[in-house]
Amino acid sequence: MKNSRVHGPTRIVHRKAAICLILSLTILFVSTKTMARIPDIFQGYIIGGIQRGYAAVSSFFSRSIGAVSQLRSLQRDYEALLDKMQDYELRERDFLALKEENQRLKELLDLPNLPDTKKIAARIIARDPSNIYSSLVIDKGYVDGIKKYMPVIAYQDGVEGLVGKIIEVNASTSVLHPLYDQRFFAAARLAKTRAEGMINGQGFRDSPLNLLYIPKSEMEQLKQGDIVVTSGLDQVFPSEIMIGRVESFRLNESSSSLVIDVWPSIDLSRIEYVFALDRGPNE
């Protein structure tokens, strides 16, 4: 009985020890398997996440570089288009200038013929900037048939009008005395009433001319817009060349005649081509 009582506790201890050993081995086995799987988990999740992040960043930079390259290409195309537009604008301006030049030349070629008069076409190549000594220089001289005191006309906006006369002739150029100069005089008349007078410049291109010596009896018939033409009585200018239109009129305080302001039919600030009139041997 005593041995039985002794072996009872021993068996219990051995049984407990066996259970602890089994549990320890089980825990060790499970821990070893878990530790063995940690690199797979790390590789599957951590490294995979890093790779996916790297791929996303690489893709972002690749797309960004592609977008920048595309923007540069678009900018080059845009600048090329701007250059083409500027070139087209320059060509359009040249075309319009050429068209206007052709129209002016066409108008000059359509200039009505004056009887027994030869017209010598010339281009204005210089202007005197001074209002006191006003003059224009044309590109024709005595080798082209230009003579001193030749009348000069122009054609502008469908109107033939007086410009002035030649006062100096060189071999290939001549000096033109414009009608707005204070030293310019020409025999003139009112086209409607035929009243005769003398046209005189006031010295300024943007000022009207003065028609002098018109009798005050013409005041009742005179109207703004009436046409003034050359009379031909001075033996310098052919008759019936348009000078301008009446702008205003008043009595001359020192005489019984009228002073009539006449606005020239030709705007001398815009003319480029003129015609010198050769009237033959009597010139």
Protein backbone atom coordinates (compact mmCIF):
# COMPACT_ATOMS: atom_id res chain seq x y z
CA MET A 1 0.00 0.00 0.00
CA LYS A 2 2.86 2.23 0.84
CA ASN A 3 4.48 1.67 -2.59
CA SER A 4 1.22 2.30 -4.25
CA ARG A 5 0.93 5.58 -2.46
CA VAL A 6 4.52 6.49 -3.44
CA HIS A 7 4.13 5.70 -7.16
CA GLY A 8 0.82 7.56 -7.41
CA PRO A 9 2.33 11.04 -7.02
CA THR A 10 5.28 10.07 -9.22
CA ARG A 11 3.01 9.07 -12.03
CA ILE A 12 1.20 12.35 -11.70
CA VAL A 13 4.50 14.23 -11.89
CA HIS A 14 5.62 12.22 -14.91
CA ARG A 15 2.28 12.74 -16.56
CA LYS A 16 2.54 16.47 -16.00
CA ALA A 17 6.08 16.49 -17.29
CA ALA A 18 5.01 14.62 -20.41
CA ILE A 19 2.20 17.06 -21.00
CA CYS A 20 4.58 20.02 -20.58
CA LEU A 21 7.03 18.42 -22.99
CA ILE A 22 4.31 17.88 -25.57
CA LEU A 23 3.11 21.44 -25.17
CA SER A 24 6.65 22.76 -25.45
CA LEU A 25 7.29 20.77 -28.59
CA THR A 26 3.98 21.92 -30.06
CA ILE A 27 4.75 25.58 -29.28
CA LEU A 28 8.27 25.17 -30.69
CA PHE A 29 6.90 23.56 -33.84
CA VAL A 30 4.28 26.26 -34.32
CA SER A 31 6.79 29.02 -33.61
CA THR A 32 9.27 27.55 -36.10
CA LYS A 33 6.65 27.35 -38.86
CA THR A 34 5.54 30.88 -38.13
CA MET A 35 9.11 32.17 -38.18
CA ALA A 36 9.71 30.28 -41.42
CA ARG A 37 6.74 32.05 -43.01
CA ILE A 38 7.72 35.61 -41.96
CA PRO A 39 10.02 36.19 -44.99
CA ASP A 40 7.20 35.05 -47.31
CA ILE A 41 4.75 37.42 -45.66
CA PHE A 42 7.35 40.24 -45.78
CA GLN A 43 8.06 39.51 -49.44
CA GLY A 44 4.40 39.17 -50.28
CA TYR A 45 3.18 42.34 -48.61
CA ILE A 46 5.98 44.71 -47.70
CA ILE A 47 8.25 44.23 -50.72
CA GLY A 48 5.22 43.96 -53.00
CA GLY A 49 3.91 47.25 -51.66
CA ILE A 50 7.28 48.90 -52.20
CA GLN A 51 7.44 47.56 -55.74
CA ARG A 52 3.94 48.78 -56.48
CA GLY A 53 4.81 52.20 -55.05
CA TYR A 54 8.01 52.36 -57.11
CA ALA A 55 6.09 51.36 -60.23
CA ALA A 56 3.49 54.07 -59.55
CA VAL A 57 6.20 56.71 -59.00
CA SER A 58 8.04 55.58 -62.14
CA SER A 59 4.82 55.72 -64.12
CA PHE A 60 4.08 59.22 -62.77
CA PHE A 61 7.52 60.52 -63.72
CA SER A 62 7.30 58.86 -67.12
CA ARG A 63 3.92 60.45 -67.78
CA SER A 64 5.19 63.81 -66.50
CA ILE A 65 8.26 63.68 -68.75
CA GLY A 66 6.03 62.69 -71.67
CA ALA A 67 3.65 65.55 -70.91
CA VAL A 68 6.53 68.06 -70.70
CA SER A 69 7.91 66.79 -73.98
CA GLN A 70 4.47 67.07 -75.55
CA LEU A 71 4.07 70.62 -74.21
CA ARG A 72 7.44 71.58 -75.68
CA SER A 73 6.39 70.13 -79.01
CA LEU A 74 3.10 72.05 -78.85
CA GLN A 75 4.98 75.24 -77.96
CA ARG A 76 7.27 74.78 -80.97
CA ASP A 77 4.24 74.20 -83.20
CA TYR A 78 2.55 77.28 -81.72
CA GLU A 79 5.62 79.45 -82.33
CA ALA A 80 5.88 78.11 -85.88
CA LEU A 81 2.21 78.99 -86.45
CA LEU A 82 2.81 82.49 -85.04
CA ASP A 83 5.71 82.97 -87.46
CA LYS A 84 3.50 81.84 -90.33
CA MET A 85 0.72 84.19 -89.22
CA GLN A 86 3.13 87.13 -89.10
CA ASP A 87 4.43 86.18 -92.54
CA TYR A 88 0.87 86.00 -93.88
CA GLU A 89 0.06 89.39 -92.31
CA LEU A 90 3.10 90.94 -93.95
CA ARG A 91 2.14 89.41 -97.28
CA GLU A 92 -1.42 90.66 -96.85
CA ARG A 93 -0.19 94.19 -96.12
CA ASP A 94 2.11 94.03 -99.15
CA PHE A 95 -0.79 92.79 -101.26
CA LEU A 96 -3.08 95.59 -100.07
CA ALA A 97 -0.36 98.19 -100.65
CA LEU A 98 0.22 96.81 -104.15
CA LYS A 99 -3.52 96.79 -104.81
CA GLU A 100 -3.84 100.43 -103.70
CA GLU A 101 -0.82 101.36 -105.82
CA ASN A 102 -2.36 99.66 -108.85
CA GLN A 103 -5.64 101.49 -108.23
CA ARG A 104 -3.83 104.83 -108.07
CA LEU A 105 -1.98 104.07 -111.29
CA LYS A 106 -5.24 103.00 -112.94
CA GLU A 107 -6.84 106.30 -111.93
CA LEU A 108 -3.86 108.17 -113.35
CA LEU A 109 -4.10 106.28 -116.64
CA ASP A 110 -7.82 107.11 -116.81
CA LEU A 111 -7.09 110.85 -116.48
CA PRO A 112 -9.23 112.78 -118.99
CA ASN A 113 -7.34 114.22 -121.94
CA LEU A 114 -6.83 117.97 -122.23
CA PRO A 115 -6.95 119.14 -125.87
CA ASP A 116 -3.58 119.82 -127.50
CA THR A 117 -1.78 118.97 -124.28
CA LYS A 118 0.89 116.36 -123.62
CA LYS A 119 1.01 114.98 -120.10
CA ILE A 120 4.32 113.94 -118.53
CA ALA A 121 3.82 111.63 -115.55
CA ALA A 122 6.12 112.14 -112.58
CA ARG A 123 6.48 110.93 -109.02
CA ILE A 124 7.00 113.20 -106.01
CA ILE A 125 10.31 112.24 -104.42
CA ALA A 126 10.86 115.02 -101.86
CA ARG A 127 8.98 117.67 -99.91
CA ASP A 128 10.19 120.88 -98.34
CA PRO A 129 9.21 120.64 -94.65
CA SER A 130 9.16 124.42 -94.30
CA ASN A 131 5.84 126.22 -94.80
CA ILE A 132 7.60 129.47 -95.76
CA TYR A 133 9.61 128.00 -98.64
CA SER A 134 7.21 125.28 -99.66
CA SER A 135 8.08 123.16 -102.68
CA LEU A 136 7.86 119.62 -104.03
CA VAL A 137 10.50 117.75 -106.02
CA ILE A 138 9.53 115.40 -108.85
CA ASP A 139 11.61 112.69 -110.53
CA LYS A 140 11.52 114.18 -114.05
CA GLY A 141 13.72 116.91 -115.58
CA TYR A 142 14.55 118.54 -118.89
CA VAL A 143 15.77 115.25 -120.35
CA ASP A 144 12.16 114.07 -119.93
CA GLY A 145 10.68 117.17 -121.55
CA ILE A 146 9.94 119.17 -118.39
CA LYS A 147 10.07 122.96 -118.84
CA LYS A 148 9.89 125.89 -116.48
CA TYR A 149 6.38 127.20 -115.67
CA MET A 150 4.67 124.04 -116.85
CA PRO A 151 1.32 123.59 -115.08
CA VAL A 152 1.05 120.51 -112.87
CA ILE A 153 -2.14 118.61 -112.15
CA ALA A 154 -3.07 115.42 -110.29
CA TYR A 155 -5.91 112.91 -110.24
CA GLN A 156 -7.36 111.96 -106.87
CA ASP A 157 -10.58 110.20 -105.86
CA GLY A 158 -11.95 110.57 -109.39
CA VAL A 159 -11.23 114.31 -109.54
CA GLU A 160 -8.76 116.15 -111.74
CA GLY A 161 -7.28 119.13 -109.92
CA LEU A 162 -4.59 121.76 -110.00
CA VAL A 163 -1.41 121.13 -108.01
CA GLY A 164 0.93 123.98 -109.01
CA LYS A 165 3.60 124.82 -111.55
CA ILE A 166 7.25 124.03 -112.29
CA ILE A 167 9.66 126.74 -111.09
CA GLU A 168 13.04 124.99 -111.45
CA VAL A 169 14.24 122.34 -113.89
CA ASN A 170 17.31 120.09 -113.60
CA ALA A 171 18.45 117.20 -115.75
CA SER A 172 16.48 114.46 -113.98
CA THR A 173 14.51 116.34 -111.32
CA SER A 174 12.36 119.46 -111.11
CA VAL A 175 10.96 121.67 -108.37
CA LEU A 176 7.22 122.17 -108.16
CA HIS A 177 5.61 125.27 -106.69
CA PRO A 178 2.35 124.11 -104.99
CA LEU A 179 -0.80 126.23 -105.13
CA TYR A 180 -1.00 126.66 -101.34
CA ASP A 181 2.24 128.72 -101.31
CA GLN A 182 1.82 132.47 -100.70
CA ARG A 183 3.81 133.21 -103.87
CA PHE A 184 1.42 131.21 -106.04
CA PHE A 185 -1.14 133.03 -108.21
CA ALA A 186 -3.40 131.76 -110.97
CA ALA A 187 -6.25 133.28 -112.96
CA ALA A 188 -9.48 131.66 -111.79
CA ARG A 189 -13.25 131.90 -112.08
CA LEU A 190 -16.43 130.64 -110.49
CA ALA A 191 -17.64 127.75 -112.66
CA LYS A 192 -21.35 128.62 -112.21
CA THR A 193 -21.42 132.40 -112.65
CA ARG A 194 -18.17 132.71 -114.63
CA ALA A 195 -17.07 135.60 -112.43
CA GLU A 196 -13.30 136.01 -112.72
CA GLY A 197 -10.67 136.57 -110.08
CA MET A 198 -7.24 135.46 -108.87
CA ILE A 199 -6.46 132.45 -106.68
CA ASN A 200 -3.71 132.80 -104.08
CA GLY A 201 -2.25 130.46 -101.44
CA GLN A 202 -1.97 131.31 -97.76
CA GLY A 203 1.27 129.47 -97.13
CA PHE A 204 -0.13 126.47 -95.27
CA ARG A 205 -1.08 123.10 -96.71
CA ASP A 206 -3.97 122.68 -94.30
CA SER A 207 -5.42 126.16 -94.94
CA PRO A 208 -7.88 127.17 -97.68
CA LEU A 209 -6.86 129.20 -100.73
CA ASN A 210 -8.09 132.76 -101.26
CA LEU A 211 -10.06 133.70 -104.37
CA LEU A 212 -9.66 137.46 -104.73
CA TYR A 213 -11.22 140.25 -106.83
CA ILE A 214 -14.65 138.64 -107.20
CA PRO A 215 -17.27 141.45 -107.35
CA LYS A 216 -19.49 141.73 -104.27
CA SER A 217 -22.49 141.50 -106.59
CA GLU A 218 -21.79 137.77 -106.75
CA MET A 219 -22.61 137.37 -103.05
CA GLU A 220 -26.30 136.76 -103.69
CA GLN A 221 -25.59 133.82 -106.04
CA LEU A 222 -22.54 132.46 -104.27
CA LYS A 223 -23.02 129.29 -102.23
CA GLN A 224 -20.81 127.02 -100.21
CA GLY A 225 -19.59 124.15 -102.37
CA ASP A 226 -19.51 126.12 -105.64
CA ILE A 227 -16.68 125.00 -107.93
CA VAL A 228 -13.69 127.21 -108.74
CA VAL A 229 -11.68 126.52 -111.92
CA THR A 230 -8.79 128.07 -113.83
CA SER A 231 -9.77 130.67 -116.39
CA GLY A 232 -6.71 130.37 -118.65
CA LEU A 233 -6.36 134.16 -118.89
CA ASP A 234 -2.88 134.13 -117.37
CA GLN A 235 -1.52 132.09 -120.31
CA VAL A 236 0.09 129.68 -117.85
CA PHE A 237 -2.69 127.29 -116.84
CA PRO A 238 -5.20 125.78 -119.27
CA SER A 239 -8.80 126.78 -118.62
CA GLU A 240 -11.35 124.67 -116.75
CA ILE A 241 -8.91 122.84 -114.48
CA MET A 242 -10.62 122.38 -111.13
CA ILE A 243 -9.01 124.27 -108.24
CA GLY A 244 -11.44 123.57 -105.43
CA ARG A 245 -14.79 124.41 -103.84
CA VAL A 246 -16.04 127.48 -102.01
CA GLU A 247 -15.91 127.05 -98.26
CA SER A 248 -16.83 130.54 -97.04
CA PHE A 249 -16.76 134.17 -98.21
CA ARG A 250 -16.72 137.71 -96.85
CA LEU A 251 -16.38 141.29 -98.00
CA ASN A 252 -12.91 142.72 -98.42
CA GLU A 253 -12.75 145.66 -96.01
CA SER A 254 -10.35 147.59 -98.24
CA SER A 255 -12.29 147.18 -101.50
CA SER A 256 -15.68 146.36 -102.95
CA SER A 257 -14.75 142.79 -103.81
CA LEU A 258 -15.17 139.49 -102.03
CA VAL A 259 -12.58 137.30 -100.36
CA ILE A 260 -13.60 133.69 -100.93
CA ASP A 261 -12.04 130.79 -99.06
CA VAL A 262 -11.56 127.86 -101.43
CA TRP A 263 -10.71 124.35 -100.26
CA PRO A 264 -8.41 122.64 -102.82
CA SER A 265 -9.85 119.65 -104.68
CA ILE A 266 -6.50 117.82 -104.38
CA ASP A 267 -5.14 116.91 -100.96
CA LEU A 268 -1.43 117.57 -101.48
CA SER A 269 -0.52 115.64 -98.34
CA ARG A 270 -1.68 112.41 -100.05
CA ILE A 271 -0.53 112.72 -103.64
CA GLU A 272 2.35 110.65 -104.96
CA TYR A 273 2.04 111.07 -108.73
CA VAL A 274 1.45 114.22 -110.80
CA PHE A 275 1.28 115.26 -114.45
CA ALA A 276 3.19 118.17 -115.96
CA LEU A 277 1.26 119.64 -118.90
CA ASP A 278 3.22 120.38 -122.06
CA ARG A 279 1.13 122.72 -124.22
CA GLY A 280 3.55 122.79 -127.11
CA PRO A 281 5.87 125.49 -128.53
CA ASN A 282 3.97 128.29 -126.84
CA GLU A 283 4.83 126.85 -123.40
